[in-house]
Amino acid sequence: MGPLSVPVPRCTEPPFRIVLSYPRESKEYAKRIVEQLMRLGVHALVFNIGSTRVGEVTILGKGHKAVVVLGESRFGRVACKIRRTDAVRDTLAHEAELLRRANAVGVGPRLYAASEDVLIMAYVEGEPLVKWLQSAEATQIRRVLATLLHQCYRLDQIGIDHGELSDPKEHVIVTGDGRPVIIDFESASVQRRPRNLTAITQFLILRPGAVSQHVRRVLDVANVQEVLSCLRAYKNAPSEPTFKQLLLHLGLETENQELKNKV
């Protein structure tokens, strides 16, 4: 079955109602979501795109606090994040605010609009980072990882801790044009000490497994202890000099300069 575009008002009917009111089917809650979607400029939802099954249809994704459905809107194709009926938080306002702050430093999918229960974001099409790494060329990997580390550094600098980058399998997407995008800020916080750069570097370089072995080989990292020392120095004093020192030991200083030149 191919993609199914459904006008938003029809989504209060089965089999789409369960998606809008997941996990407890509720026509009243579905109507509430429909009103917010239409107010935010979404005129249709697209089902049977994605690998997450909810009832009789598939959607882009499902987390502990929300489901994500492809939408058609005045912004073009978008990702619609809809708060679950059993979510601990009674609003998505906190996530929206942190995503706006991340957007301001060039991080995360662009947030177009938000309401109490719905976020409308740019639809990021691509592959999860770990899967992408398996087939990408060395030059591409170096460029993408340099960009990703810069994004994590910028998040650290504005005081946002993403919270999921120690295992970013579902939280970093690489687009078709080779751009890494950090997604899903529902666990993000400004109350914790930011550790985005240290978390992603530990996963990519230090955590035992096939991913770190592959990345170390591509970056030609010979001395893991030196990388660990750089991370400790950065953790104690997160700054541009300690960040640059880490890039130097990862062999990404050339890509760092190219990124600065683009800015």
Protein backbone atom coordinates (compact mmCIF):
# COMPACT_ATOMS: atom_id res chain seq x y z
CA MET A 1 0.00 0.00 0.00
CA GLY A 2 1.39 3.39 -1.01
CA PRO A 3 1.28 6.73 0.81
CA LEU A 4 -2.22 7.85 1.80
CA SER A 5 -2.92 11.59 2.05
CA VAL A 6 -5.91 12.30 4.27
CA PRO A 7 -7.51 15.73 4.77
CA VAL A 8 -7.02 16.73 8.40
CA PRO A 9 -10.77 16.92 9.27
CA ARG A 10 -11.15 13.26 8.25
CA CYS A 11 -8.48 12.18 10.73
CA THR A 12 -11.01 12.07 13.57
CA GLU A 13 -12.40 8.93 11.89
CA PRO A 14 -11.00 5.36 12.09
CA PRO A 15 -8.38 4.14 11.31
CA PHE A 16 -6.63 7.52 11.71
CA ARG A 17 -8.21 8.53 15.03
CA ILE A 18 -5.95 6.22 17.05
CA VAL A 19 -2.87 7.98 15.65
CA LEU A 20 -4.07 11.42 16.76
CA SER A 21 -5.06 10.17 20.22
CA TYR A 22 -2.45 7.45 20.74
CA PRO A 23 -2.43 5.18 22.72
CA ARG A 24 -6.03 5.51 23.97
CA GLU A 25 -8.44 6.14 21.11
CA SER A 26 -10.43 9.28 21.79
CA LYS A 27 -12.58 11.16 19.30
CA GLU A 28 -12.60 14.20 21.58
CA TYR A 29 -8.79 14.35 21.77
CA ALA A 30 -8.48 13.69 18.02
CA LYS A 31 -10.78 16.67 17.35
CA ARG A 32 -8.61 18.80 19.61
CA ILE A 33 -5.51 17.81 17.61
CA VAL A 34 -7.30 18.44 14.30
CA GLU A 35 -8.20 21.97 15.40
CA GLN A 36 -4.57 22.69 16.30
CA LEU A 37 -3.22 21.18 13.08
CA MET A 38 -5.53 23.31 10.96
CA ARG A 39 -4.74 26.43 12.98
CA LEU A 40 -1.02 25.78 12.39
CA GLY A 41 -1.51 25.49 8.64
CA VAL A 42 -1.58 21.70 8.11
CA HIS A 43 -4.27 20.61 5.64
CA ALA A 44 -3.50 16.89 5.28
CA LEU A 45 -1.68 14.05 7.02
CA VAL A 46 0.16 11.39 5.04
CA PHE A 47 -0.04 7.82 6.32
CA ASN A 48 1.75 4.65 5.21
CA ILE A 49 5.06 6.48 5.08
CA GLY A 50 7.50 5.27 7.69
CA SER A 51 8.04 1.98 9.49
CA THR A 52 6.12 2.55 12.74
CA ARG A 53 2.75 0.82 12.76
CA VAL A 54 -0.15 2.27 14.71
CA GLY A 55 -3.35 0.30 14.22
CA GLU A 56 -3.93 -0.18 10.50
CA VAL A 57 -1.50 2.49 9.24
CA THR A 58 2.19 3.32 9.46
CA ILE A 59 3.69 6.67 10.48
CA LEU A 60 7.11 8.30 10.72
CA GLY A 61 7.76 7.53 14.35
CA LYS A 62 6.58 7.00 17.90
CA GLY A 63 8.23 7.96 21.19
CA HIS A 64 7.39 7.97 24.87
CA LYS A 65 5.74 11.39 24.67
CA ALA A 66 4.52 11.81 21.09
CA VAL A 67 3.91 10.35 17.66
CA VAL A 68 5.27 11.87 14.45
CA VAL A 69 3.25 11.97 11.22
CA LEU A 70 4.12 13.39 7.82
CA GLY A 71 1.97 16.41 6.97
CA GLU A 72 1.15 18.63 4.01
CA SER A 73 0.99 22.28 4.98
CA ARG A 74 1.47 25.88 3.96
CA PHE A 75 5.18 25.29 4.71
CA GLY A 76 5.32 22.29 2.36
CA ARG A 77 5.91 18.76 3.62
CA VAL A 78 6.42 18.78 7.37
CA ALA A 79 6.83 16.47 10.33
CA CYS A 80 3.91 16.83 12.75
CA LYS A 81 4.75 15.87 16.31
CA ILE A 82 1.56 15.11 18.26
CA ARG A 83 1.52 14.75 22.05
CA ARG A 84 0.37 11.34 23.25
CA THR A 85 -2.66 11.16 25.54
CA ASP A 86 -0.56 9.40 28.19
CA ALA A 87 2.40 11.81 28.04
CA VAL A 88 3.78 12.87 31.41
CA ARG A 89 4.03 16.49 30.29
CA ASP A 90 0.72 18.20 29.56
CA THR A 91 2.18 20.41 26.84
CA LEU A 92 4.91 20.46 24.18
CA ALA A 93 5.75 24.10 24.95
CA HIS A 94 9.03 23.22 26.68
CA GLU A 95 10.29 21.21 23.71
CA ALA A 96 9.20 23.94 21.31
CA GLU A 97 11.14 26.57 23.23
CA LEU A 98 14.34 24.51 23.35
CA LEU A 99 14.07 23.67 19.65
CA ARG A 100 13.68 27.39 18.86
CA ARG A 101 16.87 28.08 20.81
CA ALA A 102 18.68 25.27 18.99
CA ASN A 103 17.44 26.59 15.64
CA ALA A 104 18.90 30.00 16.51
CA VAL A 105 22.40 28.45 16.42
CA GLY A 106 21.72 26.33 13.34
CA VAL A 107 20.87 23.06 15.10
CA GLY A 108 17.86 20.75 14.74
CA PRO A 109 14.98 20.56 12.28
CA ARG A 110 13.43 23.96 11.66
CA LEU A 111 10.41 24.62 13.86
CA TYR A 112 7.71 26.29 11.76
CA ALA A 113 4.87 26.50 14.27
CA ALA A 114 3.75 25.09 17.60
CA SER A 115 0.71 24.77 19.84
CA GLU A 116 -0.04 23.10 23.14
CA ASP A 117 -0.09 19.57 21.70
CA VAL A 118 1.52 19.86 18.25
CA LEU A 119 4.89 20.84 16.79
CA ILE A 120 5.24 21.51 13.05
CA MET A 121 8.83 20.97 11.92
CA ALA A 122 10.81 20.58 8.73
CA TYR A 123 10.59 17.01 7.45
CA VAL A 124 14.11 15.57 7.58
CA GLU A 125 14.58 12.89 4.95
CA GLY A 126 17.66 10.70 5.20
CA GLU A 127 19.32 7.82 7.02
CA PRO A 128 20.09 7.36 10.71
CA LEU A 129 23.73 8.22 11.36
CA VAL A 130 24.82 4.69 12.29
CA LYS A 131 23.32 3.17 9.15
CA TRP A 132 24.72 5.99 6.99
CA LEU A 133 28.23 5.42 8.36
CA GLN A 134 28.25 1.86 7.04
CA SER A 135 28.25 2.87 3.37
CA ALA A 136 29.56 6.46 3.29
CA GLU A 137 32.96 7.35 1.86
CA ALA A 138 35.75 8.48 4.17
CA THR A 139 35.67 12.09 2.90
CA GLN A 140 31.93 12.29 3.52
CA ILE A 141 32.28 10.80 7.00
CA ARG A 142 34.94 13.32 7.97
CA ARG A 143 32.84 16.25 6.77
CA VAL A 144 29.63 15.04 8.42
CA LEU A 145 31.30 14.26 11.76
CA ALA A 146 33.04 17.65 11.83
CA THR A 147 29.67 19.33 11.24
CA LEU A 148 27.97 17.18 13.87
CA LEU A 149 30.63 17.93 16.50
CA HIS A 150 30.24 21.64 15.75
CA GLN A 151 26.49 21.37 16.28
CA CYS A 152 27.01 19.63 19.62
CA TYR A 153 29.53 22.30 20.65
CA ARG A 154 27.02 25.06 19.82
CA LEU A 155 24.34 23.33 21.92
CA ASP A 156 26.80 23.14 24.81
CA GLN A 157 27.54 26.84 24.45
CA ILE A 158 23.87 27.86 24.75
CA GLY A 159 23.29 25.58 27.73
CA ILE A 160 21.03 22.93 26.18
CA ASP A 161 21.67 19.27 26.91
CA HIS A 162 19.94 17.11 24.29
CA GLY A 163 19.91 14.11 26.60
CA GLU A 164 20.01 11.31 24.02
CA LEU A 165 23.34 11.70 22.23
CA SER A 166 25.19 9.03 24.19
CA ASP A 167 23.27 6.58 21.95
CA PRO A 168 22.19 8.66 18.94
CA LYS A 169 20.95 5.84 16.70
CA GLU A 170 17.51 7.44 16.31
CA HIS A 171 18.50 11.02 17.08
CA VAL A 172 20.87 12.01 14.26
CA ILE A 173 19.76 11.84 10.63
CA VAL A 174 22.08 12.39 7.66
CA THR A 175 20.24 13.93 4.72
CA GLY A 176 20.74 13.03 1.08
CA ASP A 177 23.02 16.03 0.59
CA GLY A 178 25.24 14.98 3.50
CA ARG A 179 23.93 17.20 6.28
CA PRO A 180 23.63 15.82 9.83
CA VAL A 181 20.49 16.88 11.70
CA ILE A 182 20.00 16.33 15.43
CA ILE A 183 16.33 15.55 15.99
CA ASP A 184 13.92 14.89 18.86
CA PHE A 185 14.45 17.43 21.63
CA GLU A 186 11.77 15.99 23.90
CA SER A 187 14.36 14.92 26.52
CA ALA A 188 16.37 18.13 26.22
CA SER A 189 16.97 20.30 29.26
CA VAL A 190 18.62 23.52 30.40
CA GLN A 191 18.70 22.26 33.98
CA ARG A 192 21.42 19.63 33.36
CA ARG A 193 25.02 20.42 32.59
CA PRO A 194 25.34 20.18 28.79
CA ARG A 195 27.35 17.18 27.64
CA ASN A 196 26.42 16.95 23.98
CA LEU A 197 29.97 17.01 22.61
CA THR A 198 31.35 14.57 25.14
CA ALA A 199 28.38 12.21 24.72
CA ILE A 200 28.56 12.04 20.91
CA THR A 201 32.38 11.71 20.92
CA GLN A 202 32.29 8.90 23.44
CA PHE A 203 29.76 7.06 21.29
CA LEU A 204 31.68 7.59 18.05
CA ILE A 205 35.22 7.05 19.32
CA LEU A 206 35.39 5.45 22.76
CA ARG A 207 32.38 3.17 23.15
CA PRO A 208 33.35 -0.44 22.31
CA GLY A 209 31.73 -1.75 19.15
CA ALA A 210 31.68 -1.75 15.37
CA VAL A 211 30.72 1.93 15.05
CA SER A 212 33.69 3.28 17.02
CA GLN A 213 36.09 0.86 15.32
CA HIS A 214 34.94 2.06 11.92
CA VAL A 215 35.09 5.75 12.83
CA ARG A 216 38.55 5.45 14.43
CA ARG A 217 39.78 3.72 11.29
CA VAL A 218 38.37 6.42 9.01
CA LEU A 219 39.74 9.26 11.16
CA ASP A 220 43.01 7.40 11.73
CA VAL A 221 42.76 7.80 15.50
CA ALA A 222 45.80 5.99 16.85
CA ASN A 223 45.74 7.07 20.48
CA VAL A 224 42.38 6.80 22.20
CA GLN A 225 43.87 7.99 25.49
CA GLU A 226 44.73 11.35 23.91
CA VAL A 227 41.11 11.75 22.80
CA LEU A 228 39.96 10.86 26.31
CA SER A 229 42.31 13.48 27.77
CA CYS A 230 40.91 16.08 25.38
CA LEU A 231 37.36 15.21 26.43
CA ARG A 232 38.29 15.59 30.08
CA ALA A 233 39.87 18.97 29.39
CA TYR A 234 36.77 20.07 27.48
CA LYS A 235 34.46 18.82 30.24
CA ASN A 236 36.39 20.86 32.81
CA ALA A 237 36.51 23.96 30.60
CA PRO A 238 34.13 23.83 27.62
CA SER A 239 35.57 26.48 25.32
CA GLU A 240 36.75 27.03 21.77
CA PRO A 241 40.41 26.20 22.60
CA THR A 242 39.53 22.85 24.23
CA PHE A 243 37.08 22.10 21.40
CA LYS A 244 39.79 22.82 18.79
CA GLN A 245 42.21 20.58 20.66
CA LEU A 246 39.71 17.72 20.44
CA LEU A 247 39.27 18.28 16.69
CA LEU A 248 43.05 18.27 16.29
CA HIS A 249 43.37 14.86 17.93
CA LEU A 250 40.50 13.53 15.81
CA GLY A 251 42.23 14.76 12.65
CA LEU A 252 39.32 17.06 11.82
CA GLU A 253 41.11 20.41 12.01
CA THR A 254 41.02 20.80 8.20
CA GLU A 255 37.26 20.24 8.11
CA ASN A 256 36.96 22.66 11.03
CA GLN A 257 38.67 25.39 9.01
CA GLU A 258 36.46 24.69 5.97
CA LEU A 259 33.35 25.06 8.14
CA LYS A 260 34.62 28.38 9.52
CA ASN A 261 35.32 29.63 6.01
CA LYS A 262 31.74 28.83 4.96
CA VAL A 263 30.39 30.86 7.87
